């Protein structure tokens, strides 16, 4: 029933194509004369979505009018913001991409038909509700996440949220290998994962002596092997101990 707003959770690993699905949904909504709000948790990600929209519009068939879109974040200059909000309220902007700035009081849509929330697990319940309140009746909602929060999974099981999964990666994507290790600075009989063990076995330190390596030493060696092969590493630490 098209008169009943949908609520969908799109789940899939990073790089599986969730953004492409969101852009197709946004384009379909804009083509039907309604507006789209596309909210991301950071300015960097919001800017990436703008670049994705740029590329997406370049692929549209000749003669097809691309949707109008704009970016709204906390860094948007006051004069630019005033003009943007004016165009949004009049319906001259089809797709508004932005951060938490989208749920601020001055943001008023002419006819919001679809709300998209990327990395849904990084937004609070009230923040997502504030985005839905930008239209009456509520717009369709598409939540995207690689790691849905338990509340969302409960809504899938017992509520009115539909689950859509992307279980495959697009062709050409580099395979992702996941290793699990437990921090323990004591000498070990066996390593915590095959990949860390393999990296350690190829290290000069391992070849020079037979003393077992700690998991932390194996991790450090795995990072070195990755960097030496031209890759990159990110170390994520908790904000609170």
Protein backbone atom coordinates (compact mmCIF):
# COMPACT_ATOMS: atom_id res chain seq x y z
CA UNK A 1 0.00 0.00 0.00
CA UNK A 2 1.80 3.14 -1.21
CA UNK A 3 -0.23 5.30 1.19
CA UNK A 4 1.36 3.55 4.19
CA UNK A 5 4.91 4.73 4.97
CA UNK A 6 7.44 1.91 4.84
CA UNK A 7 10.16 1.32 7.43
CA UNK A 8 13.09 -0.71 6.16
CA UNK A 9 16.43 -1.79 7.58
CA UNK A 10 19.01 -2.38 4.85
CA UNK A 11 21.80 -4.52 6.26
CA UNK A 12 25.05 -5.49 4.57
CA UNK A 13 28.81 -5.42 5.00
CA UNK A 14 30.80 -2.28 4.29
CA UNK A 15 31.28 -1.92 0.55
CA UNK A 16 28.41 -4.20 -0.44
CA UNK A 17 26.44 -1.47 -2.21
CA UNK A 18 24.01 -0.05 0.36
CA UNK A 19 24.67 3.50 -0.86
CA UNK A 20 23.78 2.53 -4.44
CA UNK A 21 20.44 1.18 -3.21
CA UNK A 22 19.86 4.44 -1.31
CA UNK A 23 20.65 6.55 -4.38
CA UNK A 24 18.26 4.52 -6.54
CA UNK A 25 15.52 4.93 -3.92
CA UNK A 26 16.22 8.67 -3.65
CA UNK A 27 16.14 9.08 -7.43
CA UNK A 28 12.84 7.19 -7.66
CA UNK A 29 11.30 9.41 -4.98
CA UNK A 30 12.61 12.62 -6.58
CA UNK A 31 11.33 11.47 -9.99
CA UNK A 32 7.87 11.28 -8.45
CA UNK A 33 8.04 14.89 -7.30
CA UNK A 34 8.82 14.37 -3.63
CA UNK A 35 11.85 15.25 -1.53
CA UNK A 36 14.48 13.09 0.16
CA UNK A 37 16.50 13.62 3.34
CA UNK A 38 19.77 11.65 3.42
CA UNK A 39 21.37 11.85 6.88
CA UNK A 40 24.89 10.65 7.71
CA UNK A 41 26.72 10.77 11.08
CA UNK A 42 29.76 12.77 9.92
CA UNK A 43 30.57 15.57 7.48
CA UNK A 44 33.13 13.36 5.76
CA UNK A 45 30.53 10.70 5.02
CA UNK A 46 27.93 13.26 3.97
CA UNK A 47 30.44 14.75 1.54
CA UNK A 48 31.14 11.27 0.16
CA UNK A 49 27.43 10.84 -0.53
CA UNK A 50 27.42 14.12 -2.46
CA UNK A 51 30.30 12.80 -4.58
CA UNK A 52 28.35 9.55 -5.08
CA UNK A 53 25.36 11.61 -6.24
CA UNK A 54 27.63 13.46 -8.67
CA UNK A 55 28.78 10.15 -10.17
CA UNK A 56 25.25 8.69 -10.13
CA UNK A 57 23.76 11.62 -12.03
CA UNK A 58 26.46 11.30 -14.70
CA UNK A 59 25.21 7.77 -15.44
CA UNK A 60 21.59 8.80 -16.05
CA UNK A 61 20.33 8.28 -19.61
CA UNK A 62 20.55 11.23 -21.99
CA UNK A 63 17.48 13.42 -21.77
CA UNK A 64 16.64 12.40 -18.21
CA UNK A 65 16.69 15.35 -15.85
CA UNK A 66 18.91 14.66 -12.82
CA UNK A 67 17.53 15.51 -9.36
CA UNK A 68 18.66 18.70 -7.66
CA UNK A 69 20.59 18.12 -4.45
CA UNK A 70 22.52 20.02 -1.80
CA UNK A 71 24.69 19.48 1.26
CA UNK A 72 23.86 20.83 4.72
CA UNK A 73 26.26 20.41 7.66
CA UNK A 74 27.43 22.36 10.66
CA UNK A 75 30.13 23.89 8.45
CA UNK A 76 27.68 25.36 5.94
CA UNK A 77 28.13 29.15 5.91
CA UNK A 78 25.18 31.24 7.21
CA UNK A 79 24.45 32.96 3.89
CA UNK A 80 24.59 29.67 2.00
CA UNK A 81 22.44 28.02 4.67
CA UNK A 82 19.73 30.68 4.41
CA UNK A 83 19.54 30.31 0.63
CA UNK A 84 19.56 26.52 0.88
CA UNK A 85 16.72 26.45 3.43
CA UNK A 86 14.69 28.81 1.29
CA UNK A 87 15.09 26.56 -1.76
CA UNK A 88 14.30 23.48 0.34
CA UNK A 89 11.06 24.95 1.67
CA UNK A 90 9.97 25.95 -1.83
CA UNK A 91 10.69 22.49 -3.23
CA UNK A 92 13.60 23.54 -5.45
CA UNK A 93 15.88 20.96 -3.78
CA UNK A 94 14.96 17.32 -4.37
CA UNK A 95 17.58 15.60 -2.20
CA UNK A 96 19.15 17.13 0.90
CA UNK A 97 22.25 15.35 2.17
CA UNK A 98 23.64 16.25 5.56
CA UNK A 99 24.56 15.47 9.13
CA UNK A 100 22.58 16.09 12.33
CA UNK A 101 21.99 19.55 10.87
CA UNK A 102 19.05 18.03 8.96
CA UNK A 103 17.04 17.66 12.16
CA UNK A 104 17.54 21.25 13.34
CA UNK A 105 14.36 23.32 13.70
CA UNK A 106 14.94 25.72 10.77
CA UNK A 107 15.06 22.84 8.27
CA UNK A 108 11.61 22.63 6.66
CA UNK A 109 10.84 20.46 3.65
CA UNK A 110 8.23 21.28 1.03
CA UNK A 111 7.17 17.63 0.62
CA UNK A 112 9.43 15.08 2.29
CA UNK A 113 8.71 11.61 0.96
CA UNK A 114 11.75 9.56 2.01
CA UNK A 115 14.16 9.74 4.94
CA UNK A 116 17.42 7.79 4.60
CA UNK A 117 19.66 7.28 7.63
CA UNK A 118 23.15 5.96 6.92
CA UNK A 119 24.99 4.14 9.71
CA UNK A 120 21.72 4.08 11.60
CA UNK A 121 23.37 2.63 14.71
CA UNK A 122 25.17 5.96 15.26
CA UNK A 123 21.94 7.92 15.72
CA UNK A 124 19.67 7.96 18.73
CA UNK A 125 15.98 7.04 18.66
CA UNK A 126 14.92 10.65 19.22
CA UNK A 127 17.23 11.90 16.46
CA UNK A 128 15.68 9.53 13.92
CA UNK A 129 12.21 10.46 15.17
CA UNK A 130 13.07 14.14 14.69
CA UNK A 131 13.88 13.46 11.04
CA UNK A 132 10.55 11.69 10.52
CA UNK A 133 8.75 14.62 12.14
CA UNK A 134 9.84 16.82 9.21
CA UNK A 135 6.80 15.54 7.29
CA UNK A 136 3.17 14.81 8.09
CA UNK A 137 2.19 12.10 7.49
CA UNK A 138 5.57 10.51 8.16
CA UNK A 139 7.75 9.75 5.13
CA UNK A 140 9.06 6.37 4.05
CA UNK A 141 12.20 5.51 6.00
CA UNK A 142 15.28 3.58 4.92
CA UNK A 143 17.80 2.74 7.64
CA UNK A 144 21.22 1.41 6.59
CA UNK A 145 23.75 -0.35 8.79
CA UNK A 146 26.41 -3.04 8.73
CA UNK A 147 25.94 -3.49 12.50
CA UNK A 148 22.29 -2.90 13.47
CA UNK A 149 21.54 -2.10 17.11
CA UNK A 150 19.52 -4.67 19.13
CA UNK A 151 16.48 -2.36 19.19
CA UNK A 152 16.33 -2.33 15.40
CA UNK A 153 16.64 -6.11 15.23
CA UNK A 154 13.81 -6.37 17.76
CA UNK A 155 11.65 -4.14 15.54
CA UNK A 156 12.41 -6.45 12.62
CA UNK A 157 11.29 -9.46 14.64
CA UNK A 158 8.33 -8.02 16.54
CA UNK A 159 7.55 -4.62 15.04
CA UNK A 160 6.84 -3.13 11.66
CA UNK A 161 10.37 -2.76 10.30
CA UNK A 162 11.23 -4.82 7.24
CA UNK A 163 14.69 -6.34 6.87
CA UNK A 164 16.49 -6.33 3.52
CA UNK A 165 19.91 -7.97 3.38
CA UNK A 166 22.70 -7.63 0.83
CA UNK A 167 24.58 -10.90 1.18
CA UNK A 168 27.04 -10.58 -1.69
CA UNK A 169 29.79 -8.12 -2.57
CA UNK A 170 29.99 -6.41 -5.97
CA UNK A 171 32.47 -7.94 -8.46
CA UNK A 172 36.03 -6.76 -8.06
CA UNK A 173 35.89 -6.06 -4.34
CA UNK A 174 38.96 -7.13 -2.39
CA UNK A 175 38.09 -10.03 -0.06
CA UNK A 176 37.99 -9.13 3.62
CA UNK A 177 39.76 -11.44 6.08
CA UNK A 178 38.74 -11.21 9.74
CA UNK A 179 40.93 -12.47 12.58
CA UNK A 180 40.03 -12.61 16.25
CA UNK A 181 42.69 -12.45 18.93
CA UNK A 182 42.72 -12.12 22.71
CA UNK A 183 45.21 -9.78 24.33
CA UNK A 184 47.64 -11.68 26.50
CA UNK A 185 51.22 -10.61 26.99
CA UNK A 186 52.19 -13.99 28.38
CA UNK A 187 54.13 -16.31 26.07
CA UNK A 188 51.76 -18.58 24.16
CA UNK A 189 51.86 -22.18 23.09
CA UNK A 190 49.78 -21.39 19.97
CA UNK A 191 48.78 -18.22 18.19
CA UNK A 192 45.25 -16.79 18.27
CA UNK A 193 44.68 -16.78 14.52
CA UNK A 194 46.09 -18.18 11.33
CA UNK A 195 46.71 -14.80 9.71
CA UNK A 196 48.68 -13.43 12.65
CA UNK A 197 50.66 -16.65 12.91
CA UNK A 198 51.45 -16.54 9.20
CA UNK A 199 52.69 -12.96 9.46
CA UNK A 200 54.78 -13.83 12.49
CA UNK A 201 56.33 -16.86 10.77
CA UNK A 202 57.54 -14.64 7.93
CA UNK A 203 59.16 -12.11 10.24
CA UNK A 204 62.95 -11.86 10.75
CA UNK A 205 62.37 -12.04 14.49
CA UNK A 206 60.60 -15.39 14.20
CA UNK A 207 63.32 -16.79 11.97
CA UNK A 208 66.06 -15.56 14.27
CA UNK A 209 64.81 -17.24 17.41
CA UNK A 210 62.38 -19.91 18.53
CA UNK A 211 60.91 -18.05 21.52
CA UNK A 212 57.09 -17.89 21.13
CA UNK A 213 55.73 -14.43 20.39
CA UNK A 214 53.00 -12.73 22.40
CA UNK A 215 49.73 -11.91 20.68
CA UNK A 216 50.66 -8.22 20.79
CA UNK A 217 53.96 -8.95 19.05
CA UNK A 218 52.16 -11.03 16.43
CA UNK A 219 49.70 -8.20 15.85
CA UNK A 220 52.55 -5.70 15.46
CA UNK A 221 54.23 -7.98 12.96
CA UNK A 222 50.98 -8.46 11.00
CA UNK A 223 50.64 -4.67 10.78
CA UNK A 224 54.24 -4.40 9.49
CA UNK A 225 53.64 -7.05 6.83
CA UNK A 226 50.49 -5.23 5.67
CA UNK A 227 52.25 -1.86 5.46
CA UNK A 228 55.31 -3.34 3.72
CA UNK A 229 52.99 -4.81 1.07
CA UNK A 230 51.48 -1.38 0.37
CA UNK A 231 48.40 -1.65 2.57
CA UNK A 232 47.12 0.54 5.38
CA UNK A 233 46.20 -0.09 9.02
CA UNK A 234 43.82 1.65 11.39
CA UNK A 235 44.06 1.30 15.16
CA UNK A 236 40.73 2.01 16.86
CA UNK A 237 40.79 2.80 20.57
CA UNK A 238 37.84 3.24 22.96
CA UNK A 239 36.88 6.78 23.91
CA UNK A 240 36.28 5.61 27.49
CA UNK A 241 38.56 3.16 29.30
